[in-house]
Amino acid sequence: MAVVISFGLGVATILTLIIVPVLYTMAYRIKYQSQSEISKP
């Protein structure tokens, strides 16, 4: 049972940190700017 809980926590962590932000970015077509582009006057 401990293995199942550990595996579930690992999958949930990967979904939260990687998959969800990628899907959000694809859905809303967010374009990220580099730090140099932001600081240009």
PDB file of N, CA and C in Angstrom:
ATOM      1  N   MET A   1       0.823  -1.195   0.000  1.00  0.00           N
ATOM      2  CA  MET A   1       0.000   0.000   0.000  1.00  0.00           C
ATOM      3  C   MET A   1       0.867   1.258   0.000  1.00  0.00           C
ATOM      4  N   ALA A   2       1.996   1.215   0.664  1.00  0.00           N
ATOM      5  CA  ALA A   2       2.889   2.373   0.681  1.00  0.00           C
ATOM      6  C   ALA A   2       3.426   2.668  -0.716  1.00  0.00           C
ATOM      7  N   VAL A   3       3.645   1.612  -1.502  1.00  0.00           N
ATOM      8  CA  VAL A   3       4.136   1.801  -2.864  1.00  0.00           C
ATOM      9  C   VAL A   3       3.077   2.512  -3.708  1.00  0.00           C
ATOM     10  N   VAL A   4       1.831   2.151  -3.534  1.00  0.00           N
ATOM     11  CA  VAL A   4       0.746   2.768  -4.296  1.00  0.00           C
ATOM     12  C   VAL A   4       0.619   4.246  -3.935  1.00  0.00           C
ATOM     13  N   ILE A   5       0.709   4.566  -2.647  1.00  0.00           N
ATOM     14  CA  ILE A   5       0.627   5.960  -2.206  1.00  0.00           C
ATOM     15  C   ILE A   5       1.800   6.757  -2.764  1.00  0.00           C
ATOM     16  N   SER A   6       2.991   6.198  -2.710  1.00  0.00           N
ATOM     17  CA  SER A   6       4.174   6.892  -3.234  1.00  0.00           C
ATOM     18  C   SER A   6       4.048   7.121  -4.734  1.00  0.00           C
ATOM     19  N   PHE A   7       3.598   6.130  -5.462  1.00  0.00           N
ATOM     20  CA  PHE A   7       3.438   6.266  -6.901  1.00  0.00           C
ATOM     21  C   PHE A   7       2.386   7.329  -7.224  1.00  0.00           C
ATOM     22  N   GLY A   8       1.295   7.332  -6.486  1.00  0.00           N
ATOM     23  CA  GLY A   8       0.250   8.325  -6.700  1.00  0.00           C
ATOM     24  C   GLY A   8       0.743   9.734  -6.436  1.00  0.00           C
ATOM     25  N   LEU A   9       1.506   9.924  -5.384  1.00  0.00           N
ATOM     26  CA  LEU A   9       2.069  11.242  -5.091  1.00  0.00           C
ATOM     27  C   LEU A   9       3.042  11.677  -6.176  1.00  0.00           C
ATOM     28  N   GLY A  10       3.829  10.746  -6.689  1.00  0.00           N
ATOM     29  CA  GLY A  10       4.760  11.066  -7.769  1.00  0.00           C
ATOM     30  C   GLY A  10       4.044  11.484  -9.034  1.00  0.00           C
ATOM     31  N   VAL A  11       3.003  10.757  -9.408  1.00  0.00           N
ATOM     32  CA  VAL A  11       2.229  11.093 -10.606  1.00  0.00           C
ATOM     33  C   VAL A  11       1.534  12.439 -10.430  1.00  0.00           C
ATOM     34  N   ALA A  12       0.959  12.668  -9.257  1.00  0.00           N
ATOM     35  CA  ALA A  12       0.282  13.945  -9.005  1.00  0.00           C
ATOM     36  C   ALA A  12       1.264  15.114  -9.075  1.00  0.00           C
ATOM     37  N   THR A  13       2.481  14.904  -8.575  1.00  0.00           N
ATOM     38  CA  THR A  13       3.495  15.954  -8.613  1.00  0.00           C
ATOM     39  C   THR A  13       3.890  16.273 -10.052  1.00  0.00           C
ATOM     40  N   ILE A  14       4.103  15.237 -10.851  1.00  0.00           N
ATOM     41  CA  ILE A  14       4.468  15.447 -12.257  1.00  0.00           C
ATOM     42  C   ILE A  14       3.336  16.161 -12.993  1.00  0.00           C
ATOM     43  N   LEU A  15       2.097  15.752 -12.744  1.00  0.00           N
ATOM     44  CA  LEU A  15       0.965  16.414 -13.397  1.00  0.00           C
ATOM     45  C   LEU A  15       0.900  17.880 -13.011  1.00  0.00           C
ATOM     46  N   THR A  16       1.090  18.162 -11.734  1.00  0.00           N
ATOM     47  CA  THR A  16       0.955  19.532 -11.252  1.00  0.00           C
ATOM     48  C   THR A  16       2.082  20.429 -11.761  1.00  0.00           C
ATOM     49  N   LEU A  17       3.301  19.941 -11.764  1.00  0.00           N
ATOM     50  CA  LEU A  17       4.449  20.786 -12.090  1.00  0.00           C
ATOM     51  C   LEU A  17       4.768  20.856 -13.577  1.00  0.00           C
ATOM     52  N   ILE A  18       4.368  19.859 -14.347  1.00  0.00           N
ATOM     53  CA  ILE A  18       4.772  19.819 -15.754  1.00  0.00           C
ATOM     54  C   ILE A  18       3.568  19.853 -16.691  1.00  0.00           C
ATOM     55  N   ILE A  19       2.670  18.909 -16.567  1.00  0.00           N
ATOM     56  CA  ILE A  19       1.602  18.736 -17.547  1.00  0.00           C
ATOM     57  C   ILE A  19       0.610  19.895 -17.522  1.00  0.00           C
ATOM     58  N   VAL A  20       0.155  20.296 -16.336  1.00  0.00           N
ATOM     59  CA  VAL A  20      -0.847  21.365 -16.233  1.00  0.00           C
ATOM     60  C   VAL A  20      -0.324  22.690 -16.787  1.00  0.00           C
ATOM     61  N   PRO A  21       0.888  23.153 -16.427  1.00  0.00           N
ATOM     62  CA  PRO A  21       1.374  24.404 -17.025  1.00  0.00           C
ATOM     63  C   PRO A  21       1.547  24.337 -18.546  1.00  0.00           C
ATOM     64  N   VAL A  22       1.969  23.196 -19.050  1.00  0.00           N
ATOM     65  CA  VAL A  22       2.131  23.053 -20.497  1.00  0.00           C
ATOM     66  C   VAL A  22       0.774  23.138 -21.196  1.00  0.00           C
ATOM     67  N   LEU A  23      -0.215  22.464 -20.663  1.00  0.00           N
ATOM     68  CA  LEU A  23      -1.551  22.521 -21.263  1.00  0.00           C
ATOM     69  C   LEU A  23      -2.132  23.931 -21.173  1.00  0.00           C
ATOM     70  N   TYR A  24      -1.916  24.610 -20.061  1.00  0.00           N
ATOM     71  CA  TYR A  24      -2.397  25.983 -19.895  1.00  0.00           C
ATOM     72  C   TYR A  24      -1.751  26.899 -20.927  1.00  0.00           C
ATOM     73  N   THR A  25      -0.447  26.758 -21.109  1.00  0.00           N
ATOM     74  CA  THR A  25       0.277  27.585 -22.078  1.00  0.00           C
ATOM     75  C   THR A  25      -0.223  27.311 -23.496  1.00  0.00           C
ATOM     76  N   MET A  26      -0.456  26.046 -23.815  1.00  0.00           N
ATOM     77  CA  MET A  26      -0.944  25.712 -25.144  1.00  0.00           C
ATOM     78  C   MET A  26      -2.368  26.236 -25.352  1.00  0.00           C
ATOM     79  N   ALA A  27      -3.196  26.168 -24.336  1.00  0.00           N
ATOM     80  CA  ALA A  27      -4.594  26.576 -24.469  1.00  0.00           C
ATOM     81  C   ALA A  27      -4.716  28.083 -24.662  1.00  0.00           C
ATOM     82  N   TYR A  28      -3.920  28.853 -23.932  1.00  0.00           N
ATOM     83  CA  TYR A  28      -4.030  30.304 -23.993  1.00  0.00           C
ATOM     84  C   TYR A  28      -2.950  30.946 -24.858  1.00  0.00           C
ATOM     85  N   ARG A  29      -2.093  30.136 -25.469  1.00  0.00           N
ATOM     86  CA  ARG A  29      -1.033  30.595 -26.376  1.00  0.00           C
ATOM     87  C   ARG A  29      -0.217  31.726 -25.758  1.00  0.00           C
ATOM     88  N   ILE A  30       0.273  31.480 -24.552  1.00  0.00           N
ATOM     89  CA  ILE A  30       1.088  32.474 -23.848  1.00  0.00           C
ATOM     90  C   ILE A  30       2.484  32.471 -24.466  1.00  0.00           C
ATOM     91  N   LYS A  31       2.985  33.653 -24.754  1.00  0.00           N
ATOM     92  CA  LYS A  31       4.344  33.778 -25.271  1.00  0.00           C
ATOM     93  C   LYS A  31       5.214  34.358 -24.159  1.00  0.00           C
ATOM     94  N   TYR A  32       6.258  33.639 -23.818  1.00  0.00           N
ATOM     95  CA  TYR A  32       7.145  34.089 -22.760  1.00  0.00           C
ATOM     96  C   TYR A  32       8.238  34.969 -23.343  1.00  0.00           C
ATOM     97  N   GLN A  33       8.556  36.062 -22.658  1.00  0.00           N
ATOM     98  CA  GLN A  33       9.612  36.962 -23.087  1.00  0.00           C
ATOM     99  C   GLN A  33      10.860  36.699 -22.246  1.00  0.00           C
ATOM    100  N   SER A  34      12.008  36.830 -22.886  1.00  0.00           N
ATOM    101  CA  SER A  34      13.237  36.677 -22.136  1.00  0.00           C
ATOM    102  C   SER A  34      13.459  37.924 -21.274  1.00  0.00           C
ATOM    103  N   GLN A  35      14.337  37.815 -20.313  1.00  0.00           N
ATOM    104  CA  GLN A  35      14.610  38.927 -19.403  1.00  0.00           C
ATOM    105  C   GLN A  35      15.164  40.128 -20.156  1.00  0.00           C
ATOM    106  N   SER A  36      15.962  39.903 -21.212  1.00  0.00           N
ATOM    107  CA  SER A  36      16.530  41.011 -21.966  1.00  0.00           C
ATOM    108  C   SER A  36      15.464  41.784 -22.746  1.00  0.00           C
ATOM    109  N   GLU A  37      14.427  41.083 -23.229  1.00  0.00           N
ATOM    110  CA  GLU A  37      13.363  41.756 -23.945  1.00  0.00           C
ATOM    111  C   GLU A  37      12.509  42.600 -23.014  1.00  0.00           C
ATOM    112  N   ILE A  38      12.347  42.169 -21.775  1.00  0.00           N
ATOM    113  CA  ILE A  38      11.523  42.895 -20.816  1.00  0.00           C
ATOM    114  C   ILE A  38      12.205  44.189 -20.379  1.00  0.00           C
ATOM    115  N   SER A  39      13.531  44.150 -20.209  1.00  0.00           N
ATOM    116  CA  SER A  39      14.232  45.301 -19.662  1.00  0.00           C
ATOM    117  C   SER A  39      14.607  46.346 -20.711  1.00  0.00           C
ATOM    118  N   LYS A  40      14.299  46.110 -21.990  1.00  0.00           N
ATOM    119  CA  LYS A  40      14.608  47.118 -23.017  1.00  0.00           C
ATOM    120  C   LYS A  40      13.700  48.338 -22.833  1.00  0.00           C
ATOM    121  N   PRO A  41      14.253  49.540 -22.952  1.00  0.00           N
ATOM    122  CA  PRO A  41      13.413  50.747 -22.788  1.00  0.00           C
ATOM    123  C   PRO A  41      12.540  51.008 -23.998  1.00  0.00           C
TER     124      PRO A  41
END
